Amino acid sequence: MFLLTGIICFLFFVAFAYITVKDTDPDRKITINPQKLYYVLDEDLGYRALPGTFEVKIEVKESSIPKIYSLNIDEEGHRFTSKSNTDNINKPEIWIFGCSFTWGQGLSDHETYPYLVQSNLQDYKVTNFGENGYGNHHALVEIEKSLIKLNKTPPKAIVVSYIEWHEDRNTAEAYYVSALEDFQHFKKGVIRKAFERIIFTFVRLFKISSNFISYRFKYPVAELDKNDNLSVYTIPLVAFFEPIKSIDYRIKVTQKIFLRILEIANSKKIPVIILHQWSTPPDYKKDPMIEFFKTSGFHYVDAYVDYSKNENNMNPYDGHPNPESNKVYAKALLKKLNELKFK
């Protein structure tokens, strides 16, 4: 009986691994030149971009013309915000944190809103901390590391992008981590992916240590203990099963993250600007986080663009905001920065 149970479990996990390692988007092909992954493991952030210059080509069945864009990444893993990321070195800094909307997925450097902001603020150095798949907890980890652990020179302003689904990323919901693992730039060999998924499933099921295996990438989890104390730690970036946490809990965790960012910023006398880029339409202003930002000491910026409409995205190549949408983000952010005397 024990042997039969073991065989059934083994076949289940093999089937699970096989089904989930299949290509999730066979009608879309991404080619990177030079041919390599441009991510590397980061023990605090889970992953970060490798420095270098890359050309990305997206090919889709709907069009015979590929979309090609270029990106430059500096030694710290940040996208360029000017032709040379040393153009504004030694100038007061403005830090911008966010996900792919800030990183600029599908865009060349000069089309991203951090680059456009930098073009209008020559007396400052704008740093793009955004990255594909990041949440607000990534911003907290980076800010704590830079301003507390490393005691770096504080920026003159901190900008944090807010998008409704960041709440799911902050708590590392299983459905999101599983989807992110299949993101084109995190592709692993089929055997490695199947092995990691089987091992991590057993690890979570039996609550055992997985220190015996070296995972290629990780992802942070923000959680609250029974006393509502916030902690952030990393787990392997590997698909797993787990029920989604309640929306009240996800919002509470997200608010704790932002309050901790504000606490650190206030101790350094740094204004924190919230760039609100998306919540569920049509009445996105019902998002409860808006009132939280407005009443908690943040500088709130409504930069909403309905990127689900084709005129605001790059479909069929990429569903992310297009250059015109990024101009809207930059304009809204520059308006707030000007109000705060950044000119």
Protein backbone atom coordinates (compact mmCIF):
# COMPACT_ATOMS: atom_id res chain seq x y z
CA MET A 1 0.00 0.00 0.00
CA PHE A 2 2.85 2.34 0.91
CA LEU A 3 4.61 1.57 -2.38
CA LEU A 4 1.41 2.20 -4.37
CA THR A 5 0.87 5.54 -2.61
CA GLY A 6 4.46 6.50 -3.35
CA ILE A 7 4.08 5.64 -7.04
CA ILE A 8 0.84 7.64 -7.32
CA CYS A 9 2.47 10.66 -5.64
CA PHE A 10 5.50 10.41 -7.89
CA LEU A 11 3.38 10.23 -11.05
CA PHE A 12 1.30 13.19 -9.85
CA PHE A 13 4.35 15.37 -9.34
CA VAL A 14 5.86 14.30 -12.67
CA ALA A 15 2.57 15.15 -14.40
CA PHE A 16 2.39 18.47 -12.57
CA ALA A 17 5.94 19.33 -13.57
CA TYR A 18 5.42 18.31 -17.21
CA ILE A 19 2.16 20.21 -17.63
CA THR A 20 3.50 23.40 -16.08
CA VAL A 21 6.87 23.49 -17.84
CA LYS A 22 5.27 23.69 -21.27
CA ASP A 23 5.61 26.96 -23.17
CA THR A 24 2.87 29.28 -21.90
CA ASP A 25 2.93 31.58 -24.94
CA PRO A 26 3.75 29.60 -28.11
CA ASP A 27 2.51 32.42 -30.39
CA ARG A 28 5.08 34.91 -29.07
CA LYS A 29 8.84 34.54 -29.43
CA ILE A 30 11.39 36.75 -27.65
CA THR A 31 15.02 36.77 -28.77
CA ILE A 32 17.75 38.54 -26.81
CA ASN A 33 21.03 39.62 -28.38
CA PRO A 34 23.56 38.76 -27.00
CA GLN A 35 21.95 35.38 -26.37
CA LYS A 36 21.83 35.11 -22.60
CA LEU A 37 19.51 35.64 -19.68
CA TYR A 38 19.87 39.18 -18.41
CA TYR A 39 18.97 38.31 -14.82
CA VAL A 40 21.09 37.03 -11.96
CA LEU A 41 20.24 35.82 -8.45
CA ASP A 42 20.09 38.50 -5.76
CA GLU A 43 19.71 37.16 -2.22
CA ASP A 44 17.78 40.25 -1.04
CA LEU A 45 15.68 41.15 -4.09
CA GLY A 46 15.37 37.66 -5.54
CA TYR A 47 16.87 38.68 -8.88
CA ARG A 48 18.28 41.71 -10.63
CA ALA A 49 19.39 42.63 -14.13
CA LEU A 50 22.88 41.94 -15.40
CA PRO A 51 24.87 44.94 -16.69
CA GLY A 52 25.23 45.26 -20.44
CA THR A 53 23.64 46.39 -23.68
CA PHE A 54 20.88 44.22 -25.11
CA GLU A 55 18.67 44.16 -28.18
CA VAL A 56 15.32 42.43 -27.73
CA LYS A 57 13.20 41.19 -30.64
CA ILE A 58 9.56 40.19 -30.21
CA GLU A 59 7.95 38.13 -32.96
CA VAL A 60 4.21 37.36 -33.04
CA LYS A 61 1.95 35.45 -35.40
CA GLU A 62 -0.29 38.47 -35.89
CA SER A 63 2.43 40.44 -37.68
CA SER A 64 5.28 39.70 -40.09
CA ILE A 65 7.19 42.70 -38.71
CA PRO A 66 9.01 42.09 -35.41
CA LYS A 67 9.22 44.68 -32.64
CA ILE A 68 12.83 45.49 -31.75
CA TYR A 69 13.93 47.58 -28.80
CA SER A 70 17.23 48.17 -27.01
CA LEU A 71 18.14 48.54 -23.37
CA ASN A 72 21.24 49.47 -21.41
CA ILE A 73 21.83 48.29 -17.84
CA ASP A 74 24.46 49.81 -15.55
CA GLU A 75 26.76 48.03 -13.09
CA GLU A 76 24.12 48.12 -10.33
CA GLY A 77 21.43 46.55 -12.51
CA HIS A 78 19.52 49.76 -13.30
CA ARG A 79 18.31 50.83 -16.74
CA PHE A 80 19.88 53.94 -18.19
CA THR A 81 17.97 57.19 -17.74
CA SER A 82 20.24 59.08 -20.16
CA LYS A 83 22.55 58.24 -23.06
CA SER A 84 25.31 57.56 -20.53
CA ASN A 85 24.37 56.72 -16.95
CA THR A 86 27.34 58.80 -15.82
CA ASP A 87 25.99 62.00 -17.41
CA ASN A 88 24.58 63.34 -14.14
CA ILE A 89 26.90 61.65 -11.68
CA ASN A 90 27.55 63.49 -8.39
CA LYS A 91 24.29 65.44 -8.74
CA PRO A 92 21.43 65.18 -6.20
CA GLU A 93 19.43 62.03 -6.85
CA ILE A 94 15.78 61.12 -7.40
CA TRP A 95 15.05 57.44 -6.91
CA ILE A 96 12.15 55.82 -8.80
CA PHE A 97 10.90 52.37 -7.76
CA GLY A 98 8.40 50.18 -9.56
CA CYS A 99 7.70 47.11 -11.66
CA SER A 100 7.79 46.57 -15.42
CA PHE A 101 5.83 49.82 -15.89
CA THR A 102 8.84 51.67 -14.46
CA TRP A 103 11.51 49.37 -15.88
CA GLY A 104 9.96 49.86 -19.31
CA GLN A 105 9.12 46.38 -20.57
CA GLY A 106 8.93 46.49 -24.38
CA LEU A 107 10.49 49.96 -24.59
CA SER A 108 13.89 51.36 -25.50
CA ASP A 109 15.58 53.38 -22.76
CA HIS A 110 14.58 56.78 -24.12
CA GLU A 111 10.88 55.79 -24.18
CA THR A 112 10.62 55.01 -20.45
CA TYR A 113 9.15 57.60 -18.11
CA PRO A 114 12.22 57.72 -15.79
CA TYR A 115 14.32 58.64 -18.86
CA LEU A 116 11.79 61.34 -19.82
CA VAL A 117 11.86 62.74 -16.28
CA GLN A 118 15.66 62.80 -16.35
CA SER A 119 15.58 64.68 -19.67
CA ASN A 120 13.62 67.45 -17.96
CA LEU A 121 15.67 67.60 -14.75
CA GLN A 122 19.29 68.16 -15.73
CA ASP A 123 20.26 69.31 -12.24
CA TYR A 124 19.44 65.88 -10.79
CA LYS A 125 20.42 62.27 -11.27
CA VAL A 126 17.32 60.09 -11.81
CA THR A 127 17.83 56.41 -10.97
CA ASN A 128 15.42 53.79 -12.30
CA PHE A 129 15.15 51.03 -9.67
CA GLY A 130 12.20 49.44 -11.49
CA GLU A 131 12.29 45.84 -12.64
CA ASN A 132 10.01 43.32 -14.30
CA GLY A 133 7.92 41.49 -11.72
CA TYR A 134 8.83 43.67 -8.75
CA GLY A 135 6.38 44.74 -6.04
CA ASN A 136 6.41 47.48 -3.42
CA HIS A 137 8.33 45.21 -1.04
CA HIS A 138 11.28 45.32 -3.45
CA ALA A 139 11.36 49.10 -2.98
CA LEU A 140 11.40 48.66 0.81
CA VAL A 141 14.23 46.12 0.64
CA GLU A 142 16.31 48.42 -1.59
CA ILE A 143 15.61 51.53 0.50
CA GLU A 144 16.46 49.78 3.78
CA LYS A 145 19.65 48.36 2.29
CA SER A 146 20.78 51.65 0.72
CA LEU A 147 19.87 54.12 3.45
CA ILE A 148 20.24 52.05 6.63
CA LYS A 149 22.64 49.16 6.04
CA LEU A 150 24.98 50.88 3.55
CA ASN A 151 24.28 54.45 4.74
CA LYS A 152 24.38 55.83 1.19
CA THR A 153 23.84 59.51 0.46
CA PRO A 154 20.05 60.02 0.65
CA PRO A 155 18.22 61.08 -2.50
CA LYS A 156 16.29 64.34 -2.63
CA ALA A 157 13.08 62.44 -3.41
CA ILE A 158 11.78 58.87 -3.47
CA VAL A 159 9.12 57.91 -6.04
CA VAL A 160 7.27 54.62 -5.63
CA SER A 161 4.93 53.35 -8.33
CA TYR A 162 1.66 51.91 -7.08
CA ILE A 163 -0.44 49.48 -9.10
CA GLU A 164 -3.35 47.57 -7.59
CA TRP A 165 -1.90 44.13 -8.23
CA HIS A 166 1.30 45.00 -6.35
CA GLU A 167 -0.63 43.79 -3.29
CA ASP A 168 -0.51 40.23 -4.68
CA ARG A 169 3.19 40.54 -5.42
CA ASN A 170 3.97 41.90 -1.97
CA THR A 171 2.58 38.75 -0.34
CA ALA A 172 4.02 36.50 -3.10
CA GLU A 173 0.72 34.89 -4.00
CA ALA A 174 1.25 31.40 -5.43
CA TYR A 175 -0.52 32.11 -8.71
CA TYR A 176 1.77 35.09 -9.36
CA VAL A 177 5.06 33.42 -8.42
CA SER A 178 4.08 30.46 -10.60
CA ALA A 179 3.31 32.74 -13.56
CA LEU A 180 6.51 34.75 -13.08
CA GLU A 181 8.62 31.62 -13.22
CA ASP A 182 7.38 31.13 -16.79
CA PHE A 183 8.33 34.68 -17.82
CA GLN A 184 10.49 34.46 -20.95
CA HIS A 185 13.60 35.91 -19.29
CA PHE A 186 13.51 33.37 -16.44
CA LYS A 187 13.33 30.35 -18.72
CA LYS A 188 15.13 27.28 -17.40
CA GLY A 189 15.79 23.91 -18.93
CA VAL A 190 12.80 21.56 -18.72
CA ILE A 191 14.65 19.07 -16.50
CA ARG A 192 15.88 21.76 -14.09
CA LYS A 193 12.43 23.38 -13.89
CA ALA A 194 10.69 20.05 -13.26
CA PHE A 195 13.26 19.11 -10.60
CA GLU A 196 12.94 22.47 -8.80
CA ARG A 197 9.13 22.32 -8.83
CA ILE A 198 8.99 18.77 -7.47
CA ILE A 199 11.52 19.53 -4.72
CA PHE A 200 9.87 22.82 -3.73
CA THR A 201 6.44 21.19 -3.62
CA PHE A 202 7.78 18.61 -1.13
CA VAL A 203 9.56 21.36 0.82
CA ARG A 204 6.34 23.35 1.31
CA LEU A 205 4.19 20.27 1.86
CA PHE A 206 6.38 18.80 4.60
CA LYS A 207 7.86 22.13 5.85
CA ILE A 208 11.46 20.98 5.45
CA SER A 209 14.61 22.90 4.59
CA SER A 210 15.61 23.32 0.96
CA ASN A 211 19.15 24.51 1.64
CA PHE A 212 20.48 21.44 -0.11
CA ILE A 213 19.45 22.82 -3.52
CA SER A 214 20.63 26.01 -5.21
CA TYR A 215 17.66 27.72 -6.89
CA ARG A 216 18.38 29.90 -9.91
CA PHE A 217 16.12 32.78 -8.80
CA LYS A 218 14.16 33.81 -5.71
CA TYR A 219 11.27 36.13 -4.85
CA PRO A 220 10.60 38.17 -1.68
CA VAL A 221 7.59 37.59 0.58
CA ALA A 222 6.26 40.31 2.91
CA GLU A 223 4.23 38.99 5.82
CA LEU A 224 2.87 39.98 9.21
CA ASP A 225 3.29 37.99 12.41
CA LYS A 226 0.57 37.63 15.04
CA ASN A 227 1.51 41.06 16.42
CA ASP A 228 1.32 42.66 12.95
CA ASN A 229 5.08 43.09 12.75
CA LEU A 230 6.31 43.20 9.14
CA SER A 231 9.09 41.00 7.81
CA VAL A 232 10.42 40.38 4.29
CA TYR A 233 12.32 37.26 3.24
CA THR A 234 12.90 35.35 -0.01
CA ILE A 235 11.55 32.03 -1.28
CA PRO A 236 12.57 30.14 -4.45
CA LEU A 237 11.03 31.50 -7.65
CA VAL A 238 9.32 28.19 -8.34
CA ALA A 239 5.67 27.32 -9.02
CA PHE A 240 3.69 26.02 -6.04
CA PHE A 241 0.09 25.53 -4.87
CA GLU A 242 -1.43 27.67 -2.11
CA PRO A 243 -4.80 29.42 -1.61
CA ILE A 244 -4.76 33.17 -2.20
CA LYS A 245 -4.66 35.25 0.97
CA SER A 246 -7.56 37.56 1.85
CA ILE A 247 -7.72 40.99 0.23
CA ASP A 248 -7.82 42.60 3.69
CA TYR A 249 -4.55 40.91 4.60
CA ARG A 250 -2.89 41.83 1.31
CA ILE A 251 -3.89 45.49 1.70
CA LYS A 252 -2.72 45.53 5.32
CA VAL A 253 0.69 44.14 4.34
CA THR A 254 0.98 46.68 1.53
CA GLN A 255 0.13 49.56 3.86
CA LYS A 256 2.75 48.34 6.36
CA ILE A 257 5.33 48.30 3.56
CA PHE A 258 4.57 51.89 2.57
CA LEU A 259 4.53 53.08 6.18
CA ARG A 260 7.97 51.57 6.73
CA ILE A 261 9.24 53.30 3.57
CA LEU A 262 7.79 56.58 4.85
CA GLU A 263 9.35 56.07 8.28
CA ILE A 264 12.81 55.63 6.77
CA ALA A 265 12.32 58.56 4.39
CA ASN A 266 11.10 60.87 7.16
CA SER A 267 14.17 60.04 9.25
CA LYS A 268 16.28 61.31 6.33
CA LYS A 269 13.90 64.21 5.49
CA ILE A 270 13.07 62.74 2.06
CA PRO A 271 9.64 63.33 0.48
CA VAL A 272 7.92 60.16 -0.76
CA ILE A 273 5.87 60.48 -3.95
CA ILE A 274 3.32 57.81 -4.88
CA LEU A 275 2.86 57.48 -8.64
CA HIS A 276 -0.50 55.75 -9.03
CA GLN A 277 -0.43 54.10 -12.46
CA TRP A 278 -3.27 51.59 -12.35
CA SER A 279 -6.25 50.22 -10.43
CA THR A 280 -9.22 48.34 -11.82
CA PRO A 281 -11.34 50.48 -14.18
CA PRO A 282 -13.75 52.06 -14.75
CA ASP A 283 -13.83 53.66 -11.30
CA TYR A 284 -10.21 53.19 -10.31
CA LYS A 285 -10.54 55.97 -7.71
CA LYS A 286 -12.39 53.55 -5.42
CA ASP A 287 -9.12 51.81 -4.61
CA PRO A 288 -8.84 52.11 -0.78
CA MET A 289 -5.10 52.69 -1.03
CA ILE A 290 -5.71 56.17 -2.48
CA GLU A 291 -7.24 57.50 0.75
CA PHE A 292 -4.47 55.78 2.70
CA PHE A 293 -1.79 57.59 0.69
CA LYS A 294 -3.53 60.95 0.93
CA THR A 295 -3.96 60.76 4.71
CA SER A 296 -0.66 59.14 5.71
CA GLY A 297 1.88 61.77 4.67
CA PHE A 298 2.66 60.74 1.10
CA HIS A 299 2.61 63.01 -1.97
CA TYR A 300 -0.02 61.28 -4.12
CA VAL A 301 0.07 61.57 -7.94
CA ASP A 302 -2.80 60.35 -10.10
CA ALA A 303 -1.05 59.11 -13.26
CA TYR A 304 -3.72 56.61 -14.26
CA VAL A 305 -3.78 55.41 -17.87
CA ASP A 306 -6.12 52.62 -18.99
CA TYR A 307 -3.37 50.57 -20.58
CA SER A 308 -5.85 47.74 -21.27
CA LYS A 309 -6.96 49.77 -24.32
CA ASN A 310 -4.89 49.04 -27.42
CA GLU A 311 -4.17 52.71 -28.05
CA ASN A 312 -2.28 52.74 -24.73
CA ASN A 313 -0.33 49.48 -25.01
CA MET A 314 1.92 47.67 -27.48
CA ASN A 315 -0.29 44.75 -28.48
CA PRO A 316 0.08 42.36 -30.22
CA TYR A 317 3.76 42.45 -29.24
CA ASP A 318 3.45 43.37 -25.60
CA GLY A 319 0.54 44.39 -23.36
CA HIS A 320 2.57 46.92 -21.37
CA PRO A 321 2.09 50.71 -21.59
CA ASN A 322 3.40 52.22 -24.82
CA PRO A 323 5.61 55.33 -25.26
CA GLU A 324 2.58 57.65 -25.24
CA SER A 325 1.44 56.26 -21.89
CA ASN A 326 4.92 56.79 -20.51
CA LYS A 327 4.73 60.42 -21.55
CA VAL A 328 1.59 60.72 -19.40
CA TYR A 329 3.41 59.19 -16.43
CA ALA A 330 6.37 61.52 -16.89
CA LYS A 331 4.18 64.61 -17.22
CA ALA A 332 2.23 63.80 -14.04
CA LEU A 333 5.38 63.08 -12.06
CA LEU A 334 7.18 66.19 -13.32
CA LYS A 335 4.20 68.33 -12.29
CA LYS A 336 4.45 67.05 -8.70
CA LEU A 337 8.23 67.42 -8.65
CA ASN A 338 7.88 71.01 -9.83
CA GLU A 339 5.36 71.64 -7.04
CA LEU A 340 7.99 70.36 -4.63
CA LYS A 341 10.55 72.76 -6.17
CA PHE A 342 12.46 70.19 -8.23
CA LYS A 343 13.28 72.11 -11.42
